C-alpha atoms as a PDB file:
ATOM      1  CA  MET A   1     125.304 136.027 130.112  1.00  0.00           C
ATOM      2  CA  THR A   2     121.636 136.937 129.783  1.00  0.00           C
ATOM      3  CA  ARG A   3     122.182 138.853 126.524  1.00  0.00           C
ATOM      4  CA  GLN A   4     124.241 138.119 123.442  1.00  0.00           C
ATOM      5  CA  ALA A   5     126.362 140.768 121.697  1.00  0.00           C
ATOM      6  CA  ASP A   6     123.490 141.535 119.317  1.00  0.00           C
ATOM      7  CA  GLY A   7     121.095 142.151 122.225  1.00  0.00           C
ATOM      8  CA  ARG A   8     119.181 138.846 121.964  1.00  0.00           C
ATOM      9  CA  ARG A   9     118.732 136.606 124.979  1.00  0.00           C
ATOM     10  CA  GLY A  10     121.298 133.842 125.299  1.00  0.00           C
ATOM     11  CA  SER A  11     120.099 130.281 124.790  1.00  0.00           C
ATOM     12  CA  THR A  12     120.993 129.242 128.357  1.00  0.00           C
ATOM     13  CA  TYR A  13     118.887 132.079 129.721  1.00  0.00           C
ATOM     14  CA  THR A  14     115.991 131.169 127.411  1.00  0.00           C
ATOM     15  CA  VAL A  15     116.099 127.526 128.599  1.00  0.00           C
ATOM     16  CA  TRP A  16     116.075 128.725 132.218  1.00  0.00           C
ATOM     17  CA  GLN A  17     113.091 131.024 131.600  1.00  0.00           C
ATOM     18  CA  THR A  18     111.148 128.307 129.775  1.00  0.00           C
ATOM     19  CA  MET A  19     111.825 125.793 132.559  1.00  0.00           C
ATOM     20  CA  LYS A  20     110.412 128.165 135.170  1.00  0.00           C
ATOM     21  CA  PHE A  21     107.463 129.208 132.988  1.00  0.00           C
ATOM     22  CA  ARG A  22     106.150 125.700 132.302  1.00  0.00           C
ATOM     23  CA  CYS A  23     106.498 124.670 135.956  1.00  0.00           C
ATOM     24  CA  ARG A  24     105.113 127.806 137.606  1.00  0.00           C
ATOM     25  CA  ASN A  25     102.609 129.388 135.215  1.00  0.00           C
ATOM     26  CA  PRO A  26      99.228 127.632 134.816  1.00  0.00           C
ATOM     27  CA  LYS A  27      98.718 129.577 131.572  1.00  0.00           C
ATOM     28  CA  ALA A  28     101.793 127.942 129.967  1.00  0.00           C
ATOM     29  CA  ALA A  29     100.926 125.687 127.034  1.00  0.00           C
ATOM     30  CA  HIS A  30     102.586 122.625 128.578  1.00  0.00           C
ATOM     31  CA  PHE A  31     101.894 123.392 132.248  1.00  0.00           C
ATOM     32  CA  ALA A  32      99.846 120.182 132.601  1.00  0.00           C
ATOM     33  CA  ARG A  33     102.917 118.071 131.709  1.00  0.00           C
ATOM     34  CA  TYR A  34     105.151 119.936 134.155  1.00  0.00           C
ATOM     35  CA  GLY A  35     103.838 122.126 136.987  1.00  0.00           C
ATOM     36  CA  GLY A  36     100.390 120.589 136.653  1.00  0.00           C
ATOM     37  CA  ARG A  37     101.732 117.171 137.592  1.00  0.00           C
ATOM     38  CA  GLY A  38     103.893 118.500 140.412  1.00  0.00           C
ATOM     39  CA  ILE A  39     107.238 119.099 138.684  1.00  0.00           C
ATOM     40  CA  GLN A  40     108.951 122.020 140.403  1.00  0.00           C
ATOM     41  CA  VAL A  41     112.067 124.143 139.976  1.00  0.00           C
ATOM     42  CA  CYS A  42     114.268 123.990 143.079  1.00  0.00           C
ATOM     43  CA  GLU A  43     114.606 127.211 145.090  1.00  0.00           C
ATOM     44  CA  ARG A  44     118.280 127.494 144.136  1.00  0.00           C
ATOM     45  CA  TRP A  45     117.420 127.662 140.429  1.00  0.00           C
ATOM     46  CA  LEU A  46     114.951 130.510 140.749  1.00  0.00           C
ATOM     47  CA  SER A  47     118.069 132.647 140.261  1.00  0.00           C
ATOM     48  CA  PHE A  48     119.627 132.487 136.800  1.00  0.00           C
ATOM     49  CA  GLU A  49     123.124 132.969 138.239  1.00  0.00           C
ATOM     50  CA  THR A  50     122.916 129.827 140.393  1.00  0.00           C
ATOM     51  CA  PHE A  51     121.309 127.841 137.559  1.00  0.00           C
ATOM     52  CA  LEU A  52     124.223 128.867 135.334  1.00  0.00           C
ATOM     53  CA  ALA A  53     126.762 128.042 138.054  1.00  0.00           C
ATOM     54  CA  ASP A  54     125.294 124.530 138.420  1.00  0.00           C
ATOM     55  CA  MET A  55     124.597 123.677 134.776  1.00  0.00           C
ATOM     56  CA  GLY A  56     127.101 125.781 132.864  1.00  0.00           C
ATOM     57  CA  VAL A  57     126.449 127.310 129.461  1.00  0.00           C
ATOM     58  CA  ARG A  58     124.117 125.328 127.239  1.00  0.00           C
ATOM     59  CA  PRO A  59     126.195 123.357 124.704  1.00  0.00           C
ATOM     60  CA  ALA A  60     125.240 123.957 121.058  1.00  0.00           C
ATOM     61  CA  GLY A  61     122.282 121.776 120.085  1.00  0.00           C
ATOM     62  CA  ALA A  62     121.707 120.509 123.635  1.00  0.00           C
ATOM     63  CA  THR A  63     118.478 120.530 125.626  1.00  0.00           C
ATOM     64  CA  LEU A  64     117.850 120.461 129.362  1.00  0.00           C
ATOM     65  CA  ASP A  65     116.848 116.960 130.456  1.00  0.00           C
ATOM     66  CA  ARG A  66     115.544 115.584 133.735  1.00  0.00           C
ATOM     67  CA  MET A  67     117.063 112.126 134.214  1.00  0.00           C
ATOM     68  CA  ASP A  68     114.079 111.089 136.341  1.00  0.00           C
ATOM     69  CA  ASN A  69     111.104 112.316 134.351  1.00  0.00           C
ATOM     70  CA  ASP A  70     108.991 112.446 137.483  1.00  0.00           C
ATOM     71  CA  GLY A  71     111.684 114.365 139.398  1.00  0.00           C
ATOM     72  CA  HIS A  72     112.108 118.091 139.818  1.00  0.00           C
ATOM     73  CA  TYR A  73     114.398 120.529 138.052  1.00  0.00           C
ATOM     74  CA  GLU A  74     117.387 120.459 140.395  1.00  0.00           C
ATOM     75  CA  PRO A  75     121.154 119.933 140.043  1.00  0.00           C
ATOM     76  CA  ARG A  76     121.230 116.212 140.791  1.00  0.00           C
ATOM     77  CA  ASN A  77     118.408 115.447 138.311  1.00  0.00           C
ATOM     78  CA  CYS A  78     119.328 117.596 135.296  1.00  0.00           C
ATOM     79  CA  ARG A  79     121.843 117.445 132.478  1.00  0.00           C
ATOM     80  CA  TRP A  80     122.435 118.811 128.990  1.00  0.00           C
ATOM     81  CA  VAL A  81     121.718 116.169 126.325  1.00  0.00           C
ATOM     82  CA  THR A  82     121.082 115.917 122.598  1.00  0.00           C
ATOM     83  CA  ARG A  83     117.518 116.293 121.345  1.00  0.00           C
ATOM     84  CA  LYS A  84     117.535 112.591 120.442  1.00  0.00           C
ATOM     85  CA  ALA A  85     118.462 111.564 123.994  1.00  0.00           C
ATOM     86  CA  ASN A  86     115.891 113.974 125.418  1.00  0.00           C
ATOM     87  CA  SER A  87     113.091 112.651 123.214  1.00  0.00           C
ATOM     88  CA  ARG A  88     113.881 109.116 124.366  1.00  0.00           C
ATOM     89  CA  ASN A  89     113.434 110.172 127.982  1.00  0.00           C
ATOM     90  CA  ARG A  90     109.837 111.389 127.688  1.00  0.00           C
ATOM     91  CA  SER A  91     107.197 110.164 130.092  1.00  0.00           C
ATOM     92  CA  ASP A  92     104.840 109.339 127.205  1.00  0.00           C
ATOM     93  CA  ASN A  93     107.270 107.033 125.355  1.00  0.00           C
ATOM     94  CA  ARG A  94     106.085 103.487 124.717  1.00  0.00           C
ATOM     95  CA  LEU A  95     108.464 101.053 126.409  1.00  0.00           C
ATOM     96  CA  LEU A  96     108.908  97.434 125.312  1.00  0.00           C
ATOM     97  CA  THR A  97     110.652  94.668 127.239  1.00  0.00           C
ATOM     98  CA  LEU A  98     112.435  91.662 125.780  1.00  0.00           C
ATOM     99  CA  ASN A  99     114.741  89.285 127.682  1.00  0.00           C
ATOM    100  CA  GLY A 100     114.810  91.613 130.692  1.00  0.00           C
ATOM    101  CA  GLN A 101     115.803  94.685 128.650  1.00  0.00           C
ATOM    102  CA  THR A 102     113.413  97.638 128.521  1.00  0.00           C
ATOM    103  CA  LYS A 103     113.853 100.275 125.832  1.00  0.00           C
ATOM    104  CA  THR A 104     111.794 102.838 123.947  1.00  0.00           C
ATOM    105  CA  LEU A 105     110.394 101.995 120.514  1.00  0.00           C
ATOM    106  CA  ALA A 106     113.038 104.223 118.918  1.00  0.00           C
ATOM    107  CA  GLU A 107     115.840 102.453 120.799  1.00  0.00           C
ATOM    108  CA  TRP A 108     114.470  99.035 119.772  1.00  0.00           C
ATOM    109  CA  ALA A 109     114.311 100.240 116.153  1.00  0.00           C
ATOM    110  CA  ASP A 110     118.035 101.055 116.365  1.00  0.00           C
ATOM    111  CA  VAL A 111     118.869  97.683 117.950  1.00  0.00           C
ATOM    112  CA  THR A 112     116.691  95.416 115.801  1.00  0.00           C
ATOM    113  CA  GLY A 113     116.967  97.178 112.463  1.00  0.00           C
ATOM    114  CA  TYR A 114     113.165  97.250 112.118  1.00  0.00           C
ATOM    115  CA  SER A 115     111.735 100.583 111.080  1.00  0.00           C
ATOM    116  CA  LEU A 116     110.070 102.667 113.766  1.00  0.00           C
ATOM    117  CA  ALA A 117     106.892 102.607 111.643  1.00  0.00           C
ATOM    118  CA  THR A 118     106.891  98.784 111.667  1.00  0.00           C
ATOM    119  CA  LEU A 119     107.215  98.658 115.448  1.00  0.00           C
ATOM    120  CA  GLN A 120     104.564 101.356 115.943  1.00  0.00           C
ATOM    121  CA  GLY A 121     102.162  99.484 113.664  1.00  0.00           C
ATOM    122  CA  ARG A 122     102.658  96.293 115.637  1.00  0.00           C
ATOM    123  CA  VAL A 123     101.988  98.128 118.910  1.00  0.00           C
ATOM    124  CA  GLN A 124      98.780  99.575 117.446  1.00  0.00           C
ATOM    125  CA  MET A 125      97.671  96.074 116.438  1.00  0.00           C
ATOM    126  CA  GLY A 126      97.970  95.037 120.088  1.00  0.00           C
ATOM    127  CA  TRP A 127     100.855  92.603 119.705  1.00  0.00           C
ATOM    128  CA  GLN A 128     102.787  91.472 122.785  1.00  0.00           C
ATOM    129  CA  ASP A 129     106.314  92.857 123.258  1.00  0.00           C
ATOM    130  CA  GLU A 130     108.120  89.630 122.311  1.00  0.00           C
ATOM    131  CA  ARG A 131     106.196  89.259 119.053  1.00  0.00           C
ATOM    132  CA  ILE A 132     106.673  92.949 118.197  1.00  0.00           C
ATOM    133  CA  LEU A 133     110.439  92.624 118.545  1.00  0.00           C
ATOM    134  CA  THR A 134     111.072  89.150 117.120  1.00  0.00           C
ATOM    135  CA  LYS A 135     108.645  88.521 114.255  1.00  0.00           C
ATOM    136  CA  LEU A 136     110.420  88.911 110.955  1.00  0.00           C
ATOM    137  CA  PRO A 137     108.897  91.555 108.702  1.00  0.00           C
ATOM    138  CA  ARG A 138     107.173  90.445 105.523  1.00  0.00           C
ATOM    139  CA  ALA A 139     109.330  90.586 102.460  1.00  0.00           C
ATOM    140  CA  ARG A 140     108.049  93.231 100.132  1.00  0.00           C
ATOM    141  CA  ALA A 141     107.485  91.911  96.637  1.00  0.00           C
ATOM    142  CA  ALA A 142     109.487  94.779  95.163  1.00  0.00           C
ATOM    143  CA  ASN A 143     112.521  93.642  97.196  1.00  0.00           C
ATOM    144  CA  LEU A 144     112.358  90.013  96.046  1.00  0.00           C
ATOM    145  CA  ILE A 145     115.369  88.960  94.029  1.00  0.00           C
ATOM    146  CA  ILE A 146     114.385  87.499  90.658  1.00  0.00           C
ATOM    147  CA  ASP A 147     116.859  85.421  88.678  1.00  0.00           C
ATOM    148  CA  VAL A 148     116.377  85.201  84.904  1.00  0.00           C
ATOM    149  CA  ASP A 149     119.022  83.434  82.838  1.00  0.00           C
ATOM    150  CA  GLY A 150     121.657  83.936  85.546  1.00  0.00           C
ATOM    151  CA  VAL A 151     120.934  87.652  86.012  1.00  0.00           C
ATOM    152  CA  SER A 152     119.701  88.492  89.527  1.00  0.00           C
ATOM    153  CA  LYS A 153     117.976  91.781  90.300  1.00  0.00           C
ATOM    154  CA  PRO A 154     115.291  93.011  92.679  1.00  0.00           C
ATOM    155  CA  LEU A 155     111.810  92.767  91.176  1.00  0.00           C
ATOM    156  CA  SER A 156     111.501  96.551  91.423  1.00  0.00           C
ATOM    157  CA  GLN A 157     114.563  96.992  89.197  1.00  0.00           C
ATOM    158  CA  TRP A 158     113.314  94.474  86.617  1.00  0.00           C
ATOM    159  CA  CYS A 159     109.975  96.279  86.497  1.00  0.00           C
ATOM    160  CA  ARG A 160     111.564  99.705  86.216  1.00  0.00           C
ATOM    161  CA  GLU A 161     113.763  98.566  83.320  1.00  0.00           C
ATOM    162  CA  LEU A 162     110.920  96.773  81.537  1.00  0.00           C
ATOM    163  CA  ARG A 163     108.339  99.468  82.344  1.00  0.00           C
ATOM    164  CA  LEU A 164     106.070  97.056  84.189  1.00  0.00           C
ATOM    165  CA  SER A 165     104.152  97.430  87.426  1.00  0.00           C
ATOM    166  CA  THR A 166     105.387  95.241  90.297  1.00  0.00           C
ATOM    167  CA  ARG A 167     101.732  94.643  91.119  1.00  0.00           C
ATOM    168  CA  THR A 168     101.134  93.292  87.591  1.00  0.00           C
ATOM    169  CA  VAL A 169     104.143  90.984  87.733  1.00  0.00           C
ATOM    170  CA  ARG A 170     103.226  89.752  91.226  1.00  0.00           C
ATOM    171  CA  HIS A 171      99.656  89.038  90.017  1.00  0.00           C
ATOM    172  CA  ARG A 172     100.964  87.109  87.004  1.00  0.00           C
ATOM    173  CA  VAL A 173     103.134  84.913  89.228  1.00  0.00           C
ATOM    174  CA  THR A 174     100.789  84.380  92.180  1.00  0.00           C
ATOM    175  CA  GLN A 175      97.385  84.372  90.470  1.00  0.00           C
ATOM    176  CA  GLN A 176      98.106  83.238  86.925  1.00  0.00           C
ATOM    177  CA  GLY A 177     100.875  80.755  87.723  1.00  0.00           C
ATOM    178  CA  MET A 178     103.481  82.247  85.373  1.00  0.00           C
ATOM    179  CA  THR A 179     107.186  81.861  85.988  1.00  0.00           C
ATOM    180  CA  PRO A 180     109.075  85.087  86.797  1.00  0.00           C
ATOM    181  CA  ARG A 181     110.552  84.986  83.263  1.00  0.00           C
ATOM    182  CA  GLN A 182     107.065  84.742  81.711  1.00  0.00           C
ATOM    183  CA  ALA A 183     105.608  87.381  84.056  1.00  0.00           C
ATOM    184  CA  LEU A 184     108.344  89.802  83.028  1.00  0.00           C
ATOM    185  CA  GLY A 185     107.650  89.074  79.354  1.00  0.00           C
ATOM    186  CA  LEU A 186     111.133  87.763  78.661  1.00  0.00           C
END
């Protein structure tokens, strides 16, 4: 199980080696996030055979995850998960709470439909959790629906078809007082 048919190390073995390395070797690149903050590998898992017996073969695309990020690498605290699930269980994730529910920014992006970039920007501006998660995003001018003679299209489409800049059309409407029809030159 430690070697594949072509002589390369198996992925389960590589995960096991990496787990031990970052917890036990101060020269490891990420030692500070693991062994340096007290995360240990249980005695049982210092043997690859017992690690394999407890965890099984690594499923394709899965990573080793500690359910309690402050807990040790041991059978009751580890599982195979997708990379997405693993990245959402990092100790450095920003958590937001709304109505008693606490989730990561990425999870809130999935739930609310806001982009992750929007939520991250709001966090950086120092907004409170409730405002971050409930304030409606600004409508982008390019997404505004413009109706001219019964034909409705997003401003961006009108501008593309008429070879105009959305910035120019927006300026004509907001600064020069033109109607959308006039601003589009129709």
